[in-house]
C-alpha atoms as a PDB file:
ATOM      1  CA  MET A   1      25.868   3.607  22.712  1.00  0.00           C
ATOM      2  CA  ALA A   2      28.590   1.977  20.676  1.00  0.00           C
ATOM      3  CA  ARG A   3      30.684  -0.981  21.976  1.00  0.00           C
ATOM      4  CA  ALA A   4      34.371  -1.161  20.727  1.00  0.00           C
ATOM      5  CA  SER A   5      36.536  -4.058  20.988  1.00  0.00           C
ATOM      6  CA  ARG A   6      39.936  -2.208  20.476  1.00  0.00           C
ATOM      7  CA  THR A   7      40.671   1.342  19.548  1.00  0.00           C
ATOM      8  CA  ALA A   8      44.621   2.232  20.153  1.00  0.00           C
ATOM      9  CA  GLY A   9      46.354   2.466  16.976  1.00  0.00           C
ATOM     10  CA  ALA A  10      43.623   1.253  14.699  1.00  0.00           C
ATOM     11  CA  THR A  11      44.439   1.041  11.141  1.00  0.00           C
ATOM     12  CA  ALA A  12      41.024  -0.617  10.602  1.00  0.00           C
ATOM     13  CA  LEU A  13      37.555   0.038  11.649  1.00  0.00           C
ATOM     14  CA  LEU A  14      34.657  -2.392  11.283  1.00  0.00           C
ATOM     15  CA  LEU A  15      31.025  -0.958  12.143  1.00  0.00           C
ATOM     16  CA  HIS A  16      28.032  -3.113  12.242  1.00  0.00           C
ATOM     17  CA  GLY A  17      24.766  -3.185  14.363  1.00  0.00           C
ATOM     18  CA  GLU A  18      21.022  -2.645  14.068  1.00  0.00           C
ATOM     19  CA  GLU A  19      21.189   0.928  14.028  1.00  0.00           C
ATOM     20  CA  ARG A  20      22.056   1.693  10.381  1.00  0.00           C
ATOM     21  CA  PHE A  21      21.657   5.555  10.815  1.00  0.00           C
ATOM     22  CA  LEU A  22      24.350   5.297  13.611  1.00  0.00           C
ATOM     23  CA  VAL A  23      26.581   3.001  11.522  1.00  0.00           C
ATOM     24  CA  GLU A  24      26.584   5.405   8.453  1.00  0.00           C
ATOM     25  CA  GLU A  25      26.985   8.533  10.612  1.00  0.00           C
ATOM     26  CA  ARG A  26      29.985   7.212  12.475  1.00  0.00           C
ATOM     27  CA  ALA A  27      31.381   6.047   9.050  1.00  0.00           C
ATOM     28  CA  ARG A  28      30.908   9.573   7.404  1.00  0.00           C
ATOM     29  CA  ALA A  29      32.750  10.874  10.539  1.00  0.00           C
ATOM     30  CA  THR A  30      35.710   8.566  10.227  1.00  0.00           C
ATOM     31  CA  LEU A  31      35.995   9.152   6.461  1.00  0.00           C
ATOM     32  CA  ALA A  32      36.030  12.887   6.887  1.00  0.00           C
ATOM     33  CA  GLU A  33      38.716  12.592   9.542  1.00  0.00           C
ATOM     34  CA  TRP A  34      40.879  10.037   7.623  1.00  0.00           C
ATOM     35  CA  SER A  35      40.455  11.983   4.302  1.00  0.00           C
ATOM     36  CA  GLY A  36      41.854  15.090   5.723  1.00  0.00           C
ATOM     37  CA  GLY A  37      45.322  13.906   5.276  1.00  0.00           C
ATOM     38  CA  LEU A  38      44.819  12.974   1.515  1.00  0.00           C
ATOM     39  CA  VAL A  39      46.365  15.224  -1.207  1.00  0.00           C
ATOM     40  CA  SER A  40      44.626  13.666  -4.118  1.00  0.00           C
ATOM     41  CA  ASP A  41      41.579  11.591  -5.469  1.00  0.00           C
ATOM     42  CA  PHE A  42      43.727   8.589  -5.781  1.00  0.00           C
ATOM     43  CA  GLY A  43      43.846   8.196  -1.930  1.00  0.00           C
ATOM     44  CA  LEU A  44      40.421   7.084  -1.258  1.00  0.00           C
ATOM     45  CA  GLU A  45      38.804   3.803  -2.820  1.00  0.00           C
ATOM     46  CA  THR A  46      35.221   3.013  -2.090  1.00  0.00           C
ATOM     47  CA  LEU A  47      33.911  -0.537  -2.830  1.00  0.00           C
ATOM     48  CA  ASP A  48      30.367  -2.109  -2.391  1.00  0.00           C
ATOM     49  CA  GLY A  49      30.100  -4.763  -0.035  1.00  0.00           C
ATOM     50  CA  ALA A  50      27.640  -6.592  -1.973  1.00  0.00           C
ATOM     51  CA  GLY A  51      29.172  -9.112  -4.014  1.00  0.00           C
ATOM     52  CA  LEU A  52      32.822  -8.004  -3.313  1.00  0.00           C
ATOM     53  CA  ALA A  53      35.464 -10.852  -3.572  1.00  0.00           C
ATOM     54  CA  PRO A  54      38.016 -11.348  -0.937  1.00  0.00           C
ATOM     55  CA  ALA A  55      40.682 -11.136  -3.475  1.00  0.00           C
ATOM     56  CA  ARG A  56      39.483  -7.600  -4.797  1.00  0.00           C
ATOM     57  CA  LEU A  57      39.323  -6.372  -1.360  1.00  0.00           C
ATOM     58  CA  GLN A  58      42.926  -7.683  -0.515  1.00  0.00           C
ATOM     59  CA  ASP A  59      44.382  -5.958  -3.758  1.00  0.00           C
ATOM     60  CA  ALA A  60      42.853  -2.697  -2.529  1.00  0.00           C
ATOM     61  CA  ILE A  61      44.226  -3.030   1.010  1.00  0.00           C
ATOM     62  CA  LEU A  62      47.725  -4.076  -0.183  1.00  0.00           C
ATOM     63  CA  GLN A  63      48.062  -1.325  -2.952  1.00  0.00           C
ATOM     64  CA  ALA A  64      50.749   1.316  -2.171  1.00  0.00           C
ATOM     65  CA  PRO A  65      49.704   4.897  -2.059  1.00  0.00           C
ATOM     66  CA  PHE A  66      50.329   6.926  -5.073  1.00  0.00           C
ATOM     67  CA  LEU A  67      50.632  10.671  -4.215  1.00  0.00           C
ATOM     68  CA  ASP A  68      49.040  10.412  -0.667  1.00  0.00           C
ATOM     69  CA  PRO A  69      50.827   9.613   2.620  1.00  0.00           C
ATOM     70  CA  TYR A  70      48.484   6.664   2.914  1.00  0.00           C
ATOM     71  CA  ARG A  71      45.342   5.151   1.293  1.00  0.00           C
ATOM     72  CA  VAL A  72      41.766   4.911   2.707  1.00  0.00           C
ATOM     73  CA  VAL A  73      39.907   1.814   1.530  1.00  0.00           C
ATOM     74  CA  PHE A  74      36.107   2.074   2.277  1.00  0.00           C
ATOM     75  CA  VAL A  75      33.778  -0.974   2.002  1.00  0.00           C
ATOM     76  CA  ARG A  76      30.216  -0.046   2.495  1.00  0.00           C
ATOM     77  CA  ALA A  77      27.122  -2.287   3.178  1.00  0.00           C
ATOM     78  CA  ILE A  78      28.596  -5.587   3.447  1.00  0.00           C
ATOM     79  CA  PRO A  79      25.749  -8.060   3.797  1.00  0.00           C
ATOM     80  CA  ALA A  80      25.973  -9.686   7.314  1.00  0.00           C
ATOM     81  CA  ASN A  81      25.561 -13.162   6.015  1.00  0.00           C
ATOM     82  CA  ARG A  82      28.561 -12.709   3.662  1.00  0.00           C
ATOM     83  CA  ALA A  83      30.865 -10.861   6.055  1.00  0.00           C
ATOM     84  CA  GLU A  84      32.865 -13.949   7.079  1.00  0.00           C
ATOM     85  CA  GLY A  85      33.993 -14.598   3.533  1.00  0.00           C
ATOM     86  CA  LEU A  86      36.052 -11.473   3.401  1.00  0.00           C
ATOM     87  CA  ALA A  87      38.067 -12.136   6.544  1.00  0.00           C
ATOM     88  CA  PRO A  88      41.190 -13.624   4.655  1.00  0.00           C
ATOM     89  CA  ALA A  89      41.517 -10.179   2.906  1.00  0.00           C
ATOM     90  CA  LEU A  90      42.361  -8.589   6.188  1.00  0.00           C
ATOM     91  CA  ALA A  91      45.203 -10.991   6.925  1.00  0.00           C
ATOM     92  CA  HIS A  92      47.829  -8.140   6.509  1.00  0.00           C
ATOM     93  CA  ILE A  93      46.933  -4.313   6.442  1.00  0.00           C
ATOM     94  CA  PRO A  94      50.107  -2.202   5.611  1.00  0.00           C
ATOM     95  CA  PRO A  95      50.732   0.751   7.707  1.00  0.00           C
ATOM     96  CA  THR A  96      50.016   2.821   4.579  1.00  0.00           C
ATOM     97  CA  THR A  97      46.314   1.750   4.298  1.00  0.00           C
ATOM     98  CA  ARG A  98      43.538   2.693   6.562  1.00  0.00           C
ATOM     99  CA  VAL A  99      40.472   0.354   6.071  1.00  0.00           C
ATOM    100  CA  LEU A 100      36.744   1.245   6.973  1.00  0.00           C
ATOM    101  CA  LEU A 101      34.019  -1.533   6.737  1.00  0.00           C
ATOM    102  CA  THR A 102      30.504  -1.132   7.244  1.00  0.00           C
ATOM    103  CA  VAL A 103      27.953  -4.074   7.546  1.00  0.00           C
ATOM    104  CA  ALA A 104      24.384  -4.146   6.759  1.00  0.00           C
ATOM    105  CA  GLY A 105      23.382  -5.911  10.043  1.00  0.00           C
ATOM    106  CA  ARG A 106      24.765  -7.359  13.293  1.00  0.00           C
ATOM    107  CA  LEU A 107      27.715  -9.476  13.581  1.00  0.00           C
ATOM    108  CA  GLY A 108      28.253 -12.182  16.272  1.00  0.00           C
ATOM    109  CA  SER A 109      31.207 -11.962  18.672  1.00  0.00           C
ATOM    110  CA  THR A 110      32.701 -14.915  16.876  1.00  0.00           C
ATOM    111  CA  ASN A 111      32.199 -13.664  13.478  1.00  0.00           C
ATOM    112  CA  LYS A 112      35.557 -14.095  11.407  1.00  0.00           C
ATOM    113  CA  LEU A 113      35.621 -10.733   9.983  1.00  0.00           C
ATOM    114  CA  ALA A 114      35.300  -8.973  13.500  1.00  0.00           C
ATOM    115  CA  LYS A 115      38.188 -11.184  14.537  1.00  0.00           C
ATOM    116  CA  ALA A 116      40.289 -10.630  11.535  1.00  0.00           C
ATOM    117  CA  VAL A 117      40.025  -6.673  11.858  1.00  0.00           C
ATOM    118  CA  ALA A 118      40.684  -6.864  15.744  1.00  0.00           C
ATOM    119  CA  GLY A 119      43.670  -9.218  15.001  1.00  0.00           C
ATOM    120  CA  ALA A 120      45.051  -6.751  12.517  1.00  0.00           C
ATOM    121  CA  GLY A 121      45.096  -4.163  15.209  1.00  0.00           C
ATOM    122  CA  GLY A 122      41.837  -2.529  14.176  1.00  0.00           C
ATOM    123  CA  ALA A 123      38.659  -1.595  16.224  1.00  0.00           C
ATOM    124  CA  VAL A 124      35.054  -3.272  15.908  1.00  0.00           C
ATOM    125  CA  GLU A 125      32.215  -1.126  16.927  1.00  0.00           C
ATOM    126  CA  GLU A 126      28.613  -2.207  17.269  1.00  0.00           C
ATOM    127  CA  MET A 127      25.694   0.143  17.045  1.00  0.00           C
ATOM    128  CA  PRO A 128      22.682  -1.802  19.008  1.00  0.00           C
ATOM    129  CA  ARG A 129      19.411  -0.945  18.526  1.00  0.00           C
ATOM    130  CA  LEU A 130      18.129   1.891  20.554  1.00  0.00           C
ATOM    131  CA  VAL A 131      14.735   1.267  22.418  1.00  0.00           C
ATOM    132  CA  ARG A 132      12.592   3.014  25.151  1.00  0.00           C
ATOM    133  CA  ARG A 133      15.003   4.990  27.499  1.00  0.00           C
ATOM    134  CA  ALA A 134      18.169   4.798  25.251  1.00  0.00           C
ATOM    135  CA  LEU A 135      16.211   6.123  22.150  1.00  0.00           C
ATOM    136  CA  SER A 136      14.726   8.976  24.212  1.00  0.00           C
ATOM    137  CA  GLU A 137      18.166   9.954  25.515  1.00  0.00           C
ATOM    138  CA  TRP A 138      19.683   9.887  22.102  1.00  0.00           C
ATOM    139  CA  ALA A 139      16.917  12.097  20.701  1.00  0.00           C
ATOM    140  CA  SER A 140      17.384  14.494  23.405  1.00  0.00           C
ATOM    141  CA  LYS A 141      20.967  14.735  23.190  1.00  0.00           C
ATOM    142  CA  ARG A 142      20.737  15.136  19.384  1.00  0.00           C
ATOM    143  CA  ALA A 143      18.184  17.906  19.541  1.00  0.00           C
ATOM    144  CA  VAL A 144      20.191  19.811  21.989  1.00  0.00           C
ATOM    145  CA  GLU A 145      23.697  19.371  20.706  1.00  0.00           C
ATOM    146  CA  LYS A 146      23.006  19.175  17.022  1.00  0.00           C
ATOM    147  CA  HIS A 147      19.737  21.096  16.222  1.00  0.00           C
ATOM    148  CA  GLY A 148      19.922  23.581  19.266  1.00  0.00           C
ATOM    149  CA  LEU A 149      16.297  22.599  20.226  1.00  0.00           C
ATOM    150  CA  THR A 150      15.247  21.644  23.748  1.00  0.00           C
ATOM    151  CA  ALA A 151      14.898  18.178  25.366  1.00  0.00           C
ATOM    152  CA  ALA A 152      10.968  18.823  25.646  1.00  0.00           C
ATOM    153  CA  VAL A 153      10.789  19.165  21.895  1.00  0.00           C
ATOM    154  CA  ALA A 154      12.724  15.955  21.450  1.00  0.00           C
ATOM    155  CA  ALA A 155      10.254  14.193  23.859  1.00  0.00           C
ATOM    156  CA  GLN A 156       7.320  15.665  21.830  1.00  0.00           C
ATOM    157  CA  VAL A 157       9.034  14.163  18.513  1.00  0.00           C
ATOM    158  CA  THR A 158       9.697  10.596  20.029  1.00  0.00           C
ATOM    159  CA  ARG A 159       6.050  10.543  21.114  1.00  0.00           C
ATOM    160  CA  VAL A 160       4.567  10.649  17.814  1.00  0.00           C
ATOM    161  CA  THR A 161       7.440   9.411  15.462  1.00  0.00           C
ATOM    162  CA  PRO A 162       8.216   5.917  14.574  1.00  0.00           C
ATOM    163  CA  PRO A 163      11.250   4.766  16.420  1.00  0.00           C
ATOM    164  CA  ASP A 164      13.684   5.140  13.386  1.00  0.00           C
ATOM    165  CA  LEU A 165      16.589   7.360  14.072  1.00  0.00           C
ATOM    166  CA  SER A 166      16.670   8.784  10.489  1.00  0.00           C
ATOM    167  CA  ILE A 167      12.916   9.851  10.833  1.00  0.00           C
ATOM    168  CA  ILE A 168      13.497  11.345  14.145  1.00  0.00           C
ATOM    169  CA  ASP A 169      16.483  13.261  12.984  1.00  0.00           C
ATOM    170  CA  SER A 170      14.676  14.684   9.918  1.00  0.00           C
ATOM    171  CA  GLU A 171      11.709  15.709  12.097  1.00  0.00           C
ATOM    172  CA  LEU A 172      14.331  17.675  14.581  1.00  0.00           C
ATOM    173  CA  TYR A 173      15.894  19.033  11.518  1.00  0.00           C
ATOM    174  CA  LYS A 174      12.666  20.439  10.387  1.00  0.00           C
ATOM    175  CA  LEU A 175      11.745  21.927  13.460  1.00  0.00           C
ATOM    176  CA  ALA A 176      15.057  23.622  13.817  1.00  0.00           C
ATOM    177  CA  ALA A 177      14.789  25.119  10.360  1.00  0.00           C
ATOM    178  CA  PHE A 178      11.312  26.186  11.258  1.00  0.00           C
ATOM    179  CA  ARG A 179      12.634  28.185  14.418  1.00  0.00           C
ATOM    180  CA  ALA A 180      15.489  29.459  12.319  1.00  0.00           C
ATOM    181  CA  SER A 181      13.074  31.258  10.091  1.00  0.00           C
ATOM    182  CA  GLY A 182      12.089  33.381  13.042  1.00  0.00           C
ATOM    183  CA  ALA A 183       8.873  31.470  13.913  1.00  0.00           C
ATOM    184  CA  LYS A 184       8.046  30.469  17.457  1.00  0.00           C
ATOM    185  CA  LEU A 185       7.968  26.666  18.400  1.00  0.00           C
ATOM    186  CA  THR A 186       5.107  26.158  20.740  1.00  0.00           C
ATOM    187  CA  PRO A 187       3.889  22.692  21.570  1.00  0.00           C
ATOM    188  CA  GLU A 188       0.918  23.402  19.307  1.00  0.00           C
ATOM    189  CA  VAL A 189       2.993  24.423  16.432  1.00  0.00           C
ATOM    190  CA  VAL A 190       5.314  21.284  16.862  1.00  0.00           C
ATOM    191  CA  THR A 191       2.279  19.054  16.912  1.00  0.00           C
ATOM    192  CA  GLU A 192       0.979  20.579  13.658  1.00  0.00           C
ATOM    193  CA  LEU A 193       4.334  20.315  11.924  1.00  0.00           C
ATOM    194  CA  LEU A 194       4.819  16.705  13.106  1.00  0.00           C
ATOM    195  CA  ALA A 195       1.319  15.604  12.041  1.00  0.00           C
ATOM    196  CA  GLY A 196       1.554  17.043   8.587  1.00  0.00           C
ATOM    197  CA  GLY A 197       5.474  16.830   7.650  1.00  0.00           C
ATOM    198  CA  ARG A 198       5.626  12.962   7.486  1.00  0.00           C
ATOM    199  CA  GLU A 199       2.878  12.787   4.895  1.00  0.00           C
ATOM    200  CA  ASP A 200       3.871  15.819   2.778  1.00  0.00           C
ATOM    201  CA  GLU A 201       7.470  14.138   2.383  1.00  0.00           C
ATOM    202  CA  ILE A 202       5.982  10.804   1.075  1.00  0.00           C
ATOM    203  CA  PHE A 203       2.759  12.104  -0.794  1.00  0.00           C
ATOM    204  CA  LYS A 204       4.841  11.982  -4.247  1.00  0.00           C
ATOM    205  CA  LEU A 205       5.545   8.605  -3.768  1.00  0.00           C
ATOM    206  CA  THR A 206       2.290   7.146  -2.398  1.00  0.00           C
ATOM    207  CA  ASP A 207       0.642   9.069  -5.400  1.00  0.00           C
ATOM    208  CA  ASN A 208       2.510   6.938  -7.659  1.00  0.00           C
ATOM    209  CA  LEU A 209       2.161   3.761  -5.668  1.00  0.00           C
ATOM    210  CA  LEU A 210      -1.093   2.266  -6.216  1.00  0.00           C
ATOM    211  CA  PRO A 211      -2.636   0.360  -7.532  1.00  0.00           C
ATOM    212  CA  HIS A 212       0.716  -0.501  -8.858  1.00  0.00           C
ATOM    213  CA  PRO A 213       4.077   1.548  -8.770  1.00  0.00           C
ATOM    214  CA  THR A 214       4.310   3.918 -11.708  1.00  0.00           C
ATOM    215  CA  PRO A 215       7.875   4.304 -13.614  1.00  0.00           C
ATOM    216  CA  HIS A 216       8.215   7.500 -11.342  1.00  0.00           C
ATOM    217  CA  ALA A 217       7.858   5.717  -7.908  1.00  0.00           C
ATOM    218  CA  LEU A 218      11.391   4.252  -8.244  1.00  0.00           C
ATOM    219  CA  ASP A 219      12.878   7.536  -9.038  1.00  0.00           C
ATOM    220  CA  ILE A 220      11.112   9.046  -6.069  1.00  0.00           C
ATOM    221  CA  ALA A 221      12.134   6.366  -3.594  1.00  0.00           C
ATOM    222  CA  ARG A 222      15.649   6.859  -4.839  1.00  0.00           C
ATOM    223  CA  ASN A 223      15.505  10.643  -4.243  1.00  0.00           C
ATOM    224  CA  LEU A 224      14.189  10.193  -0.666  1.00  0.00           C
ATOM    225  CA  THR A 225      17.048   7.928   0.358  1.00  0.00           C
ATOM    226  CA  LYS A 226      19.491  10.273  -1.405  1.00  0.00           C
ATOM    227  CA  SER A 227      17.998  13.061   0.857  1.00  0.00           C
ATOM    228  CA  GLY A 228      18.853  11.027   3.912  1.00  0.00           C
ATOM    229  CA  LEU A 229      15.726   8.963   4.717  1.00  0.00           C
ATOM    230  CA  GLN A 230      16.606   5.237   5.284  1.00  0.00           C
ATOM    231  CA  PRO A 231      15.553   2.815   2.748  1.00  0.00           C
ATOM    232  CA  THR A 232      13.699   0.895   5.443  1.00  0.00           C
ATOM    233  CA  SER A 233      12.104   4.252   6.521  1.00  0.00           C
ATOM    234  CA  VAL A 234      10.757   4.740   3.141  1.00  0.00           C
ATOM    235  CA  ALA A 235       9.346   1.047   3.098  1.00  0.00           C
ATOM    236  CA  TYR A 236       7.707   1.853   6.507  1.00  0.00           C
ATOM    237  CA  ARG A 237       5.934   4.784   5.091  1.00  0.00           C
ATOM    238  CA  MET A 238       4.714   3.005   1.956  1.00  0.00           C
ATOM    239  CA  ALA A 239       3.457   0.162   4.459  1.00  0.00           C
ATOM    240  CA  ARG A 240       1.781   2.964   6.583  1.00  0.00           C
ATOM    241  CA  HIS A 241       0.234   4.494   3.520  1.00  0.00           C
ATOM    242  CA  ILE A 242      -1.046   1.139   2.267  1.00  0.00           C
ATOM    243  CA  ALA A 243      -2.416  -0.013   5.511  1.00  0.00           C
ATOM    244  CA  LEU A 244      -4.467   3.389   5.636  1.00  0.00           C
ATOM    245  CA  VAL A 245      -5.829   2.769   2.141  1.00  0.00           C
ATOM    246  CA  LEU A 246      -6.765  -1.051   3.175  1.00  0.00           C
ATOM    247  CA  GLU A 247      -8.666   0.319   6.057  1.00  0.00           C
ATOM    248  CA  VAL A 248     -10.429   2.935   3.860  1.00  0.00           C
ATOM    249  CA  LYS A 249     -10.979   0.248   1.385  1.00  0.00           C
ATOM    250  CA  ALA A 250     -12.849  -1.752   3.962  1.00  0.00           C
ATOM    251  CA  ARG A 251     -15.071   1.241   4.864  1.00  0.00           C
ATOM    252  CA  GLN A 252     -16.009   1.652   1.321  1.00  0.00           C
ATOM    253  CA  GLU A 253     -17.039  -1.967   1.042  1.00  0.00           C
ATOM    254  CA  ARG A 254     -19.333  -1.067   3.992  1.00  0.00           C
ATOM    255  CA  GLY A 255     -20.881   1.551   2.042  1.00  0.00           C
ATOM    256  CA  GLU A 256     -19.423   4.459   3.896  1.00  0.00           C
ATOM    257  CA  SER A 257     -19.013   7.717   2.054  1.00  0.00           C
ATOM    258  CA  LEU A 258     -16.013   9.922   1.830  1.00  0.00           C
ATOM    259  CA  GLN A 259     -17.415  12.342   4.563  1.00  0.00           C
ATOM    260  CA  GLU A 260     -18.258   9.556   6.782  1.00  0.00           C
ATOM    261  CA  VAL A 261     -14.696   8.112   6.597  1.00  0.00           C
ATOM    262  CA  GLN A 262     -13.100  11.611   7.094  1.00  0.00           C
ATOM    263  CA  SER A 263     -15.419  12.359  10.272  1.00  0.00           C
ATOM    264  CA  ASP A 264     -14.553   8.797  11.907  1.00  0.00           C
ATOM    265  CA  MET A 265     -10.705   8.664  11.388  1.00  0.00           C
ATOM    266  CA  PRO A 266      -8.036  10.792  12.927  1.00  0.00           C
ATOM    267  CA  GLU A 267      -6.012  11.576   9.836  1.00  0.00           C
ATOM    268  CA  HIS A 268      -6.195  14.875   8.138  1.00  0.00           C
ATOM    269  CA  ASN A 269      -9.117  15.233   5.542  1.00  0.00           C
ATOM    270  CA  PHE A 270      -6.654  15.599   2.711  1.00  0.00           C
ATOM    271  CA  VAL A 271      -4.934  12.332   3.639  1.00  0.00           C
ATOM    272  CA  ILE A 272      -8.150  10.448   3.817  1.00  0.00           C
ATOM    273  CA  GLN A 273      -9.351  12.057   0.540  1.00  0.00           C
ATOM    274  CA  LYS A 274      -5.968  10.740  -1.304  1.00  0.00           C
ATOM    275  CA  ALA A 275      -6.431   7.213   0.290  1.00  0.00           C
ATOM    276  CA  PHE A 276     -10.163   7.202  -0.595  1.00  0.00           C
ATOM    277  CA  ASP A 277      -9.278   7.784  -4.266  1.00  0.00           C
ATOM    278  CA  ALA A 278      -6.408   5.062  -4.303  1.00  0.00           C
ATOM    279  CA  ALA A 279      -8.907   2.661  -2.534  1.00  0.00           C
ATOM    280  CA  GLN A 280     -11.293   2.970  -5.480  1.00  0.00           C
ATOM    281  CA  GLN A 281      -8.728   1.633  -7.853  1.00  0.00           C
ATOM    282  CA  ALA A 282      -7.114  -0.989  -5.522  1.00  0.00           C
ATOM    283  CA  ASN A 283      -8.353  -4.486  -4.032  1.00  0.00           C
ATOM    284  CA  ALA A 284      -7.964  -5.816  -0.854  1.00  0.00           C
ATOM    285  CA  ASP A 285      -6.155  -8.765  -1.573  1.00  0.00           C
ATOM    286  CA  GLY A 286      -3.431  -6.797  -3.655  1.00  0.00           C
ATOM    287  CA  LEU A 287      -3.016  -4.422  -0.650  1.00  0.00           C
ATOM    288  CA  GLU A 288      -2.529  -7.139   1.834  1.00  0.00           C
ATOM    289  CA  GLN A 289       0.063  -8.859  -0.464  1.00  0.00           C
ATOM    290  CA  ALA A 290       1.960  -5.513  -0.708  1.00  0.00           C
ATOM    291  CA  LEU A 291       1.897  -5.341   2.993  1.00  0.00           C
ATOM    292  CA  ARG A 292       3.461  -8.936   3.329  1.00  0.00           C
ATOM    293  CA  GLN A 293       6.083  -8.081   0.684  1.00  0.00           C
ATOM    294  CA  ILE A 294       7.011  -4.907   2.679  1.00  0.00           C
ATOM    295  CA  ARG A 295       7.294  -6.983   5.794  1.00  0.00           C
ATOM    296  CA  ASP A 296       9.577  -9.600   4.216  1.00  0.00           C
ATOM    297  CA  TYR A 297      11.804  -6.766   2.759  1.00  0.00           C
ATOM    298  CA  GLU A 298      12.204  -5.370   6.027  1.00  0.00           C
ATOM    299  CA  TRP A 299      13.065  -8.658   7.796  1.00  0.00           C
ATOM    300  CA  GLU A 300      15.617  -9.555   5.068  1.00  0.00           C
ATOM    301  CA  VAL A 301      17.353  -6.402   5.415  1.00  0.00           C
ATOM    302  CA  LYS A 302      17.576  -6.543   9.218  1.00  0.00           C
ATOM    303  CA  SER A 303      18.978 -10.080   9.004  1.00  0.00           C
ATOM    304  CA  GLY A 304      21.435  -8.968   6.478  1.00  0.00           C
ATOM    305  CA  GLN A 305      20.191 -11.065   3.551  1.00  0.00           C
ATOM    306  CA  VAL A 306      19.767  -8.033   1.187  1.00  0.00           C
ATOM    307  CA  ASP A 307      21.223  -4.549   0.823  1.00  0.00           C
ATOM    308  CA  ALA A 308      18.627  -2.089   1.863  1.00  0.00           C
ATOM    309  CA  ASP A 309      18.972   0.320  -1.186  1.00  0.00           C
ATOM    310  CA  LEU A 310      18.890  -2.456  -3.901  1.00  0.00           C
ATOM    311  CA  GLY A 311      16.028  -4.446  -1.951  1.00  0.00           C
ATOM    312  CA  LEU A 312      13.955  -1.464  -2.022  1.00  0.00           C
ATOM    313  CA  ASP A 313      14.399  -1.206  -5.899  1.00  0.00           C
ATOM    314  CA  VAL A 314      13.491  -4.717  -6.079  1.00  0.00           C
ATOM    315  CA  LEU A 315      10.467  -4.211  -3.642  1.00  0.00           C
ATOM    316  CA  LEU A 316       9.162  -1.683  -5.870  1.00  0.00           C
ATOM    317  CA  THR A 317       9.188  -3.671  -9.021  1.00  0.00           C
ATOM    318  CA  ARG A 318       7.404  -6.464  -7.206  1.00  0.00           C
ATOM    319  CA  LEU A 319       4.316  -4.397  -5.758  1.00  0.00           C
END
């Protein structure tokens, strides 16, 4: 799953790749391990990668520990297209400093930051995009080892869930919690929970999304990301809702009633009702423009041009 360039005696770890969920999970595990030896709050310094100057990073790395046996410097979400500029800061890493870097995107094998980390005795790990069999195997292992579910349940989840690890994991967590309550997880129950849960989680946001996002939309989106949903997953769900409203809008313009739309579309009647109401206040051109803006946001995040969280905030102000 992850490819490491060097691991022995690493004082620095660089995590990058297209699977942000895996990057962040690996980062949390590393921080938990490294923080175990700290005795004060001064031992860990966290820096945001966006806009970070090389001199600021170098100062943090070279700073001597105060009360702790060593310092941990964590730099999160470095934009991929700005990563090379930080390479000079890692020219020397004292034995009393441990450096953890995460990149929002994938770095090439010749990237200067990756070379600097490896040259300093650190490790570089890439989390490549999981597709098809690799995605199914990850979901199966996740279901069994982390959530106590079966591989069959994992297969059912991956069949109906977008290929986003954070969404798959949240669905598995939901199913595990349902089973822990004492209820039985039959294939029919799993189907019902998966069909309804994804919409329920985002209803509050979509209620405040059209015809233009209300002041509450930004807060709701931030709460969704804080609860573990990736910003790009929030954007995906927004696009899914807008696309549904656009389709319902086209049916309205053809003169179809709510009952006709509900009987002809596979979504739950309540979901169609919400989309039907939203479509009456929206126009098709605006909906199509919103979908293009979400598409552009996802491309910018995947290409490392913008930070996913900050980009989501900007996206909501533009819709």
